[in-house]
Amino acid sequence: MDKEKSSKKTKDENPAPWEGPSSSSPVYQKGNSAQVEKLIEENLRLTQEIYKMTKKISSFVLWSRIFGFLKVLLIIAPIALGIIYFKPMLDLADKAFAPYKELLNMGGGAGSEINLGNIDSSQLPPELRKLLGK
């Protein structure tokens, strides 16, 4: 039981820094240099593959950012241009249709009341007087 407790690490313990292989490790023993050389070559090959993949991922992320910006630009630019250029067109249309609004009594505001001219409200039929509130 004491062995189990001593082998378990607590969360507060920091592991000791690695100091390299010990003198009794297989790396220092004669005859293993071919195996070490083989492992180093394998490590170099894998590192080169990782480097190639990292470059591809980096390129993909860059292009994703560029196309994401263009996508947002394609959505926001027409809206902004529409707001900028459509407002003066609405003002022109309002001026062009002003006589028809007045004729159809759609102007709104003070000019939207019905002008009876010289007609006396007593001459109107009772239903019409009721609708006009007179």
C-alpha atoms as a PDB file:
ATOM      1  CA  MET A   1       0.000   0.000   0.000  1.00  0.00           C
ATOM      2  CA  ASP A   2       2.813   2.391   0.772  1.00  0.00           C
ATOM      3  CA  LYS A   3       4.210   1.750  -2.677  1.00  0.00           C
ATOM      4  CA  GLU A   4       0.866   2.654  -4.306  1.00  0.00           C
ATOM      5  CA  LYS A   5       0.611   5.892  -2.335  1.00  0.00           C
ATOM      6  CA  SER A   6       4.141   6.937  -3.164  1.00  0.00           C
ATOM      7  CA  SER A   7       3.749   6.160  -6.875  1.00  0.00           C
ATOM      8  CA  LYS A   8       0.572   8.248  -7.193  1.00  0.00           C
ATOM      9  CA  LYS A   9       1.201  11.908  -7.864  1.00  0.00           C
ATOM     10  CA  THR A  10      -0.926  14.618  -6.405  1.00  0.00           C
ATOM     11  CA  LYS A  11      -2.266  17.461  -8.484  1.00  0.00           C
ATOM     12  CA  ASP A  12       0.009  19.961  -6.778  1.00  0.00           C
ATOM     13  CA  GLU A  13       3.245  18.124  -7.657  1.00  0.00           C
ATOM     14  CA  ASN A  14       5.166  19.381 -10.666  1.00  0.00           C
ATOM     15  CA  PRO A  15       7.071  16.752 -12.627  1.00  0.00           C
ATOM     16  CA  ALA A  16      10.833  17.041 -12.600  1.00  0.00           C
ATOM     17  CA  PRO A  17      12.352  18.515 -15.782  1.00  0.00           C
ATOM     18  CA  TRP A  18      13.766  15.969 -18.190  1.00  0.00           C
ATOM     19  CA  GLU A  19      17.509  15.770 -17.996  1.00  0.00           C
ATOM     20  CA  GLY A  20      18.096  13.484 -20.951  1.00  0.00           C
ATOM     21  CA  PRO A  21      18.845   9.770 -21.034  1.00  0.00           C
ATOM     22  CA  SER A  22      20.655   8.210 -18.134  1.00  0.00           C
ATOM     23  CA  SER A  23      23.980   6.445 -18.539  1.00  0.00           C
ATOM     24  CA  SER A  24      22.232   3.092 -18.190  1.00  0.00           C
ATOM     25  CA  SER A  25      19.704   3.790 -20.972  1.00  0.00           C
ATOM     26  CA  PRO A  26      19.933   1.932 -24.295  1.00  0.00           C
ATOM     27  CA  VAL A  27      20.970   5.140 -26.073  1.00  0.00           C
ATOM     28  CA  TYR A  28      24.366   5.147 -24.401  1.00  0.00           C
ATOM     29  CA  GLN A  29      25.009   1.469 -24.898  1.00  0.00           C
ATOM     30  CA  LYS A  30      27.227   0.389 -27.791  1.00  0.00           C
ATOM     31  CA  GLY A  31      25.534  -1.343 -30.700  1.00  0.00           C
ATOM     32  CA  ASN A  32      22.359   0.750 -30.529  1.00  0.00           C
ATOM     33  CA  SER A  33      23.674   3.640 -32.601  1.00  0.00           C
ATOM     34  CA  ALA A  34      22.074   2.153 -35.750  1.00  0.00           C
ATOM     35  CA  GLN A  35      18.724   1.998 -34.014  1.00  0.00           C
ATOM     36  CA  VAL A  36      19.085   5.583 -32.754  1.00  0.00           C
ATOM     37  CA  GLU A  37      20.057   6.760 -36.229  1.00  0.00           C
ATOM     38  CA  LYS A  38      17.014   4.995 -37.654  1.00  0.00           C
ATOM     39  CA  LEU A  39      14.772   6.673 -35.056  1.00  0.00           C
ATOM     40  CA  ILE A  40      16.248  10.091 -35.825  1.00  0.00           C
ATOM     41  CA  GLU A  41      15.632   9.620 -39.566  1.00  0.00           C
ATOM     42  CA  GLU A  42      12.038   8.531 -38.838  1.00  0.00           C
ATOM     43  CA  ASN A  43      11.591  11.567 -36.613  1.00  0.00           C
ATOM     44  CA  LEU A  44      12.970  13.856 -39.354  1.00  0.00           C
ATOM     45  CA  ARG A  45      10.629  12.341 -41.949  1.00  0.00           C
ATOM     46  CA  LEU A  46       7.592  12.761 -39.700  1.00  0.00           C
ATOM     47  CA  THR A  47       8.588  16.319 -38.847  1.00  0.00           C
ATOM     48  CA  GLN A  48       8.792  17.175 -42.559  1.00  0.00           C
ATOM     49  CA  GLU A  49       5.301  15.715 -43.112  1.00  0.00           C
ATOM     50  CA  ILE A  50       3.940  17.752 -40.213  1.00  0.00           C
ATOM     51  CA  TYR A  51       5.562  20.864 -41.665  1.00  0.00           C
ATOM     52  CA  LYS A  52       3.897  20.268 -45.054  1.00  0.00           C
ATOM     53  CA  MET A  53       0.511  19.738 -43.406  1.00  0.00           C
ATOM     54  CA  THR A  54       0.952  22.867 -41.305  1.00  0.00           C
ATOM     55  CA  LYS A  55       1.680  24.942 -44.413  1.00  0.00           C
ATOM     56  CA  LYS A  56      -1.469  23.588 -46.095  1.00  0.00           C
ATOM     57  CA  ILE A  57      -3.580  24.336 -43.027  1.00  0.00           C
ATOM     58  CA  SER A  58      -2.125  27.832 -42.768  1.00  0.00           C
ATOM     59  CA  SER A  59      -2.905  28.476 -46.430  1.00  0.00           C
ATOM     60  CA  PHE A  60      -6.449  27.141 -45.964  1.00  0.00           C
ATOM     61  CA  VAL A  61      -7.051  29.424 -42.975  1.00  0.00           C
ATOM     62  CA  LEU A  62      -5.741  32.449 -44.875  1.00  0.00           C
ATOM     63  CA  TRP A  63      -8.014  31.812 -47.865  1.00  0.00           C
ATOM     64  CA  SER A  64     -10.957  31.116 -45.555  1.00  0.00           C
ATOM     65  CA  ARG A  65     -10.479  34.517 -43.944  1.00  0.00           C
ATOM     66  CA  ILE A  66     -10.210  36.249 -47.328  1.00  0.00           C
ATOM     67  CA  PHE A  67     -13.343  34.590 -48.713  1.00  0.00           C
ATOM     68  CA  GLY A  68     -15.207  35.189 -45.448  1.00  0.00           C
ATOM     69  CA  PHE A  69     -14.433  38.901 -45.734  1.00  0.00           C
ATOM     70  CA  LEU A  70     -15.555  38.907 -49.382  1.00  0.00           C
ATOM     71  CA  LYS A  71     -18.763  37.126 -48.445  1.00  0.00           C
ATOM     72  CA  VAL A  72     -19.584  39.755 -45.831  1.00  0.00           C
ATOM     73  CA  LEU A  73     -18.626  42.491 -48.281  1.00  0.00           C
ATOM     74  CA  LEU A  74     -20.990  41.039 -50.910  1.00  0.00           C
ATOM     75  CA  ILE A  75     -23.832  41.179 -48.413  1.00  0.00           C
ATOM     76  CA  ILE A  76     -23.160  44.551 -46.783  1.00  0.00           C
ATOM     77  CA  ALA A  77     -22.028  46.537 -49.857  1.00  0.00           C
ATOM     78  CA  PRO A  78     -25.342  46.305 -51.781  1.00  0.00           C
ATOM     79  CA  ILE A  79     -27.278  47.203 -48.643  1.00  0.00           C
ATOM     80  CA  ALA A  80     -25.095  50.256 -47.984  1.00  0.00           C
ATOM     81  CA  LEU A  81     -25.223  51.358 -51.622  1.00  0.00           C
ATOM     82  CA  GLY A  82     -28.971  50.852 -51.647  1.00  0.00           C
ATOM     83  CA  ILE A  83     -29.376  53.077 -48.613  1.00  0.00           C
ATOM     84  CA  ILE A  84     -27.109  55.739 -50.094  1.00  0.00           C
ATOM     85  CA  TYR A  85     -28.621  55.797 -53.609  1.00  0.00           C
ATOM     86  CA  PHE A  86     -32.226  54.781 -52.920  1.00  0.00           C
ATOM     87  CA  LYS A  87     -33.000  57.675 -50.536  1.00  0.00           C
ATOM     88  CA  PRO A  88     -32.583  60.420 -53.197  1.00  0.00           C
ATOM     89  CA  MET A  89     -34.672  58.345 -55.610  1.00  0.00           C
ATOM     90  CA  LEU A  90     -37.462  58.165 -53.051  1.00  0.00           C
ATOM     91  CA  ASP A  91     -37.296  61.933 -52.625  1.00  0.00           C
ATOM     92  CA  LEU A  92     -37.554  62.359 -56.418  1.00  0.00           C
ATOM     93  CA  ALA A  93     -40.481  59.957 -56.558  1.00  0.00           C
ATOM     94  CA  ASP A  94     -42.182  61.834 -53.731  1.00  0.00           C
ATOM     95  CA  LYS A  95     -41.820  65.106 -55.674  1.00  0.00           C
ATOM     96  CA  ALA A  96     -43.004  63.472 -58.901  1.00  0.00           C
ATOM     97  CA  PHE A  97     -46.142  62.012 -57.314  1.00  0.00           C
ATOM     98  CA  ALA A  98     -46.958  65.050 -55.123  1.00  0.00           C
ATOM     99  CA  PRO A  99     -49.730  66.341 -57.447  1.00  0.00           C
ATOM    100  CA  TYR A 100     -51.370  62.926 -57.520  1.00  0.00           C
ATOM    101  CA  LYS A 101     -51.171  62.635 -53.745  1.00  0.00           C
ATOM    102  CA  GLU A 102     -52.906  65.953 -53.409  1.00  0.00           C
ATOM    103  CA  LEU A 103     -55.519  64.912 -55.960  1.00  0.00           C
ATOM    104  CA  LEU A 104     -56.154  61.585 -54.238  1.00  0.00           C
ATOM    105  CA  ASN A 105     -55.906  63.193 -50.805  1.00  0.00           C
ATOM    106  CA  MET A 106     -53.042  60.905 -49.698  1.00  0.00           C
ATOM    107  CA  GLY A 107     -50.619  63.630 -48.641  1.00  0.00           C
ATOM    108  CA  GLY A 108     -51.164  63.215 -44.924  1.00  0.00           C
ATOM    109  CA  GLY A 109     -50.885  66.002 -42.403  1.00  0.00           C
ATOM    110  CA  ALA A 110     -52.821  69.292 -42.582  1.00  0.00           C
ATOM    111  CA  GLY A 111     -53.598  69.080 -46.315  1.00  0.00           C
ATOM    112  CA  SER A 112     -55.330  65.740 -45.947  1.00  0.00           C
ATOM    113  CA  GLU A 113     -58.626  67.183 -44.752  1.00  0.00           C
ATOM    114  CA  ILE A 114     -61.473  67.258 -47.226  1.00  0.00           C
ATOM    115  CA  ASN A 115     -62.054  70.709 -48.627  1.00  0.00           C
ATOM    116  CA  LEU A 116     -65.731  71.277 -49.274  1.00  0.00           C
ATOM    117  CA  GLY A 117     -65.185  74.745 -50.691  1.00  0.00           C
ATOM    118  CA  ASN A 118     -68.313  76.888 -50.433  1.00  0.00           C
ATOM    119  CA  ILE A 119     -70.673  74.001 -49.729  1.00  0.00           C
ATOM    120  CA  ASP A 120     -72.603  74.390 -46.515  1.00  0.00           C
ATOM    121  CA  SER A 121     -72.623  71.251 -44.368  1.00  0.00           C
ATOM    122  CA  SER A 122     -76.386  71.628 -43.893  1.00  0.00           C
ATOM    123  CA  GLN A 123     -76.847  70.951 -47.618  1.00  0.00           C
ATOM    124  CA  LEU A 124     -75.136  67.539 -47.329  1.00  0.00           C
ATOM    125  CA  PRO A 125     -77.113  64.360 -46.708  1.00  0.00           C
ATOM    126  CA  PRO A 126     -77.129  63.228 -43.031  1.00  0.00           C
ATOM    127  CA  GLU A 127     -75.033  60.090 -43.710  1.00  0.00           C
ATOM    128  CA  LEU A 128     -72.265  62.167 -45.281  1.00  0.00           C
ATOM    129  CA  ARG A 129     -72.387  64.726 -42.467  1.00  0.00           C
ATOM    130  CA  LYS A 130     -72.019  61.879 -39.984  1.00  0.00           C
ATOM    131  CA  LEU A 131     -68.960  60.526 -41.809  1.00  0.00           C
ATOM    132  CA  LEU A 132     -67.368  63.973 -41.999  1.00  0.00           C
ATOM    133  CA  GLY A 133     -68.107  64.691 -38.350  1.00  0.00           C
ATOM    134  CA  LYS A 134     -69.983  67.905 -39.072  1.00  0.00           C
END
